Amino acid sequence: MATDYDAPRKTDEELNEESLEELKAQSSKTTSGVDMDEADLNESLELPGADLSTESITVMVIPKRADEFTCGSCFLVNHISQKAKEKNGKPICKDCA
């Protein structure tokens, strides 16, 4: 964007006044057209596919393998290579150690 360095510059006070006037003008335009209550607006909106109450989710559970362990701190199943130490007889992963 080209800048004219010879043009008179506005002070910060003038810039603030202009921006306040613009904000007031914008707010008067937007508030005059909205008369709905937020609660009514939220109830009237329906998202596509939002009713999932009749849906069921099936997940295949894979049992823990011989080369995996369950961390005693975060309870995630990790590969044995992620085992850092044992605390109170429970293996602890590198992330929790």
C-alpha atoms as a PDB file:
ATOM      1  CA  MET A   1       0.000   0.000   0.000  1.00  0.00           C
ATOM      2  CA  ALA A   2       1.383   3.399  -0.972  1.00  0.00           C
ATOM      3  CA  THR A   3       1.915   5.967   1.762  1.00  0.00           C
ATOM      4  CA  ASP A   4       1.987   9.713   1.185  1.00  0.00           C
ATOM      5  CA  TYR A   5       4.592  10.965   3.625  1.00  0.00           C
ATOM      6  CA  ASP A   6       3.861  14.597   2.806  1.00  0.00           C
ATOM      7  CA  ALA A   7       0.213  14.406   3.869  1.00  0.00           C
ATOM      8  CA  PRO A   8      -0.668  15.879   7.276  1.00  0.00           C
ATOM      9  CA  ARG A   9      -0.845  13.215   9.957  1.00  0.00           C
ATOM     10  CA  LYS A  10      -3.663  12.757  12.409  1.00  0.00           C
ATOM     11  CA  THR A  11      -3.011  12.644  16.125  1.00  0.00           C
ATOM     12  CA  ASP A  12      -3.823   9.616  18.246  1.00  0.00           C
ATOM     13  CA  GLU A  13      -6.785  11.462  19.735  1.00  0.00           C
ATOM     14  CA  GLU A  14      -8.284  12.099  16.288  1.00  0.00           C
ATOM     15  CA  LEU A  15      -7.776   8.458  15.316  1.00  0.00           C
ATOM     16  CA  ASN A  16      -9.483   7.265  18.519  1.00  0.00           C
ATOM     17  CA  GLU A  17     -12.458   9.570  17.933  1.00  0.00           C
ATOM     18  CA  GLU A  18     -12.875   8.306  14.378  1.00  0.00           C
ATOM     19  CA  SER A  19     -12.699   4.668  15.424  1.00  0.00           C
ATOM     20  CA  LEU A  20     -15.238   5.268  18.204  1.00  0.00           C
ATOM     21  CA  GLU A  21     -17.617   6.886  15.742  1.00  0.00           C
ATOM     22  CA  GLU A  22     -17.243   3.954  13.352  1.00  0.00           C
ATOM     23  CA  LEU A  23     -17.904   1.447  16.138  1.00  0.00           C
ATOM     24  CA  LYS A  24     -21.001   3.322  17.252  1.00  0.00           C
ATOM     25  CA  ALA A  25     -22.299   3.393  13.696  1.00  0.00           C
ATOM     26  CA  GLN A  26     -21.673  -0.322  13.216  1.00  0.00           C
ATOM     27  CA  SER A  27     -23.269  -1.284  16.538  1.00  0.00           C
ATOM     28  CA  SER A  28     -26.409   0.748  15.774  1.00  0.00           C
ATOM     29  CA  LYS A  29     -26.746  -1.052  12.422  1.00  0.00           C
ATOM     30  CA  THR A  30     -26.372  -4.566  13.864  1.00  0.00           C
ATOM     31  CA  THR A  31     -28.482  -4.176  17.013  1.00  0.00           C
ATOM     32  CA  SER A  32     -31.492  -2.692  15.233  1.00  0.00           C
ATOM     33  CA  GLY A  33     -32.003  -5.823  13.119  1.00  0.00           C
ATOM     34  CA  VAL A  34     -31.742  -8.365  15.940  1.00  0.00           C
ATOM     35  CA  ASP A  35     -34.784  -8.719  18.160  1.00  0.00           C
ATOM     36  CA  MET A  36     -34.542 -12.439  18.994  1.00  0.00           C
ATOM     37  CA  ASP A  37     -33.572 -13.700  22.401  1.00  0.00           C
ATOM     38  CA  GLU A  38     -30.434 -15.871  22.444  1.00  0.00           C
ATOM     39  CA  ALA A  39     -32.293 -18.774  24.053  1.00  0.00           C
ATOM     40  CA  ASP A  40     -34.943 -18.700  21.321  1.00  0.00           C
ATOM     41  CA  LEU A  41     -32.268 -18.547  18.673  1.00  0.00           C
ATOM     42  CA  ASN A  42     -30.429 -21.556  20.120  1.00  0.00           C
ATOM     43  CA  GLU A  43     -33.626 -23.608  20.279  1.00  0.00           C
ATOM     44  CA  SER A  44     -34.529 -22.822  16.689  1.00  0.00           C
ATOM     45  CA  LEU A  45     -31.157 -23.890  15.307  1.00  0.00           C
ATOM     46  CA  GLU A  46     -30.918 -27.509  14.327  1.00  0.00           C
ATOM     47  CA  LEU A  47     -27.645 -28.892  13.130  1.00  0.00           C
ATOM     48  CA  PRO A  48     -27.693 -31.557  10.440  1.00  0.00           C
ATOM     49  CA  GLY A  49     -27.185 -34.989  11.962  1.00  0.00           C
ATOM     50  CA  ALA A  50     -27.331 -33.657  15.532  1.00  0.00           C
ATOM     51  CA  ASP A  51     -29.779 -36.288  16.860  1.00  0.00           C
ATOM     52  CA  LEU A  52     -27.584 -39.300  17.518  1.00  0.00           C
ATOM     53  CA  SER A  53     -29.699 -40.787  20.313  1.00  0.00           C
ATOM     54  CA  THR A  54     -30.782 -43.749  18.200  1.00  0.00           C
ATOM     55  CA  GLU A  55     -27.267 -44.505  16.977  1.00  0.00           C
ATOM     56  CA  SER A  56     -25.088 -47.160  18.541  1.00  0.00           C
ATOM     57  CA  ILE A  57     -21.343 -47.251  18.348  1.00  0.00           C
ATOM     58  CA  THR A  58     -19.564 -50.553  17.993  1.00  0.00           C
ATOM     59  CA  VAL A  59     -15.893 -50.694  18.850  1.00  0.00           C
ATOM     60  CA  MET A  60     -13.720 -53.725  18.385  1.00  0.00           C
ATOM     61  CA  VAL A  61     -11.644 -54.255  21.537  1.00  0.00           C
ATOM     62  CA  ILE A  62      -8.242 -55.815  20.937  1.00  0.00           C
ATOM     63  CA  PRO A  63      -6.812 -57.604  23.972  1.00  0.00           C
ATOM     64  CA  LYS A  64      -3.406 -56.613  25.316  1.00  0.00           C
ATOM     65  CA  ARG A  65      -0.577 -58.460  23.554  1.00  0.00           C
ATOM     66  CA  ALA A  66       2.337 -60.218  25.197  1.00  0.00           C
ATOM     67  CA  ASP A  67       4.729 -57.387  24.214  1.00  0.00           C
ATOM     68  CA  GLU A  68       2.538 -54.643  25.731  1.00  0.00           C
ATOM     69  CA  PHE A  69       1.950 -53.376  29.248  1.00  0.00           C
ATOM     70  CA  THR A  70      -0.488 -51.072  31.017  1.00  0.00           C
ATOM     71  CA  CYS A  71       1.128 -48.059  32.641  1.00  0.00           C
ATOM     72  CA  GLY A  72       0.418 -47.831  36.366  1.00  0.00           C
ATOM     73  CA  SER A  73       0.219 -44.032  36.183  1.00  0.00           C
ATOM     74  CA  CYS A  74      -1.671 -43.066  32.998  1.00  0.00           C
ATOM     75  CA  PHE A  75      -3.268 -46.517  32.398  1.00  0.00           C
ATOM     76  CA  LEU A  76      -2.438 -46.467  28.690  1.00  0.00           C
ATOM     77  CA  VAL A  77      -1.364 -49.639  26.940  1.00  0.00           C
ATOM     78  CA  ASN A  78       2.168 -49.171  25.608  1.00  0.00           C
ATOM     79  CA  HIS A  79       4.742 -51.324  23.848  1.00  0.00           C
ATOM     80  CA  ILE A  80       7.267 -52.914  26.186  1.00  0.00           C
ATOM     81  CA  SER A  81       9.978 -50.681  24.682  1.00  0.00           C
ATOM     82  CA  GLN A  82       8.249 -47.697  26.356  1.00  0.00           C
ATOM     83  CA  LYS A  83       8.668 -49.173  29.843  1.00  0.00           C
ATOM     84  CA  ALA A  84      10.898 -46.943  31.982  1.00  0.00           C
ATOM     85  CA  LYS A  85      10.689 -48.359  35.510  1.00  0.00           C
ATOM     86  CA  GLU A  86       8.459 -50.048  38.038  1.00  0.00           C
ATOM     87  CA  LYS A  87       6.821 -48.196  40.905  1.00  0.00           C
ATOM     88  CA  ASN A  88       5.062 -50.163  43.660  1.00  0.00           C
ATOM     89  CA  GLY A  89       5.191 -53.265  41.460  1.00  0.00           C
ATOM     90  CA  LYS A  90       3.468 -51.520  38.534  1.00  0.00           C
ATOM     91  CA  PRO A  91       5.247 -50.691  35.271  1.00  0.00           C
ATOM     92  CA  ILE A  92       5.584 -46.987  34.414  1.00  0.00           C
ATOM     93  CA  CYS A  93       5.950 -45.702  30.833  1.00  0.00           C
ATOM     94  CA  LYS A  94       8.647 -43.254  29.693  1.00  0.00           C
ATOM     95  CA  ASP A  95       6.098 -40.424  29.412  1.00  0.00           C
ATOM     96  CA  CYS A  96       5.086 -40.711  33.064  1.00  0.00           C
ATOM     97  CA  ALA A  97       8.574 -41.416  34.464  1.00  0.00           C
END
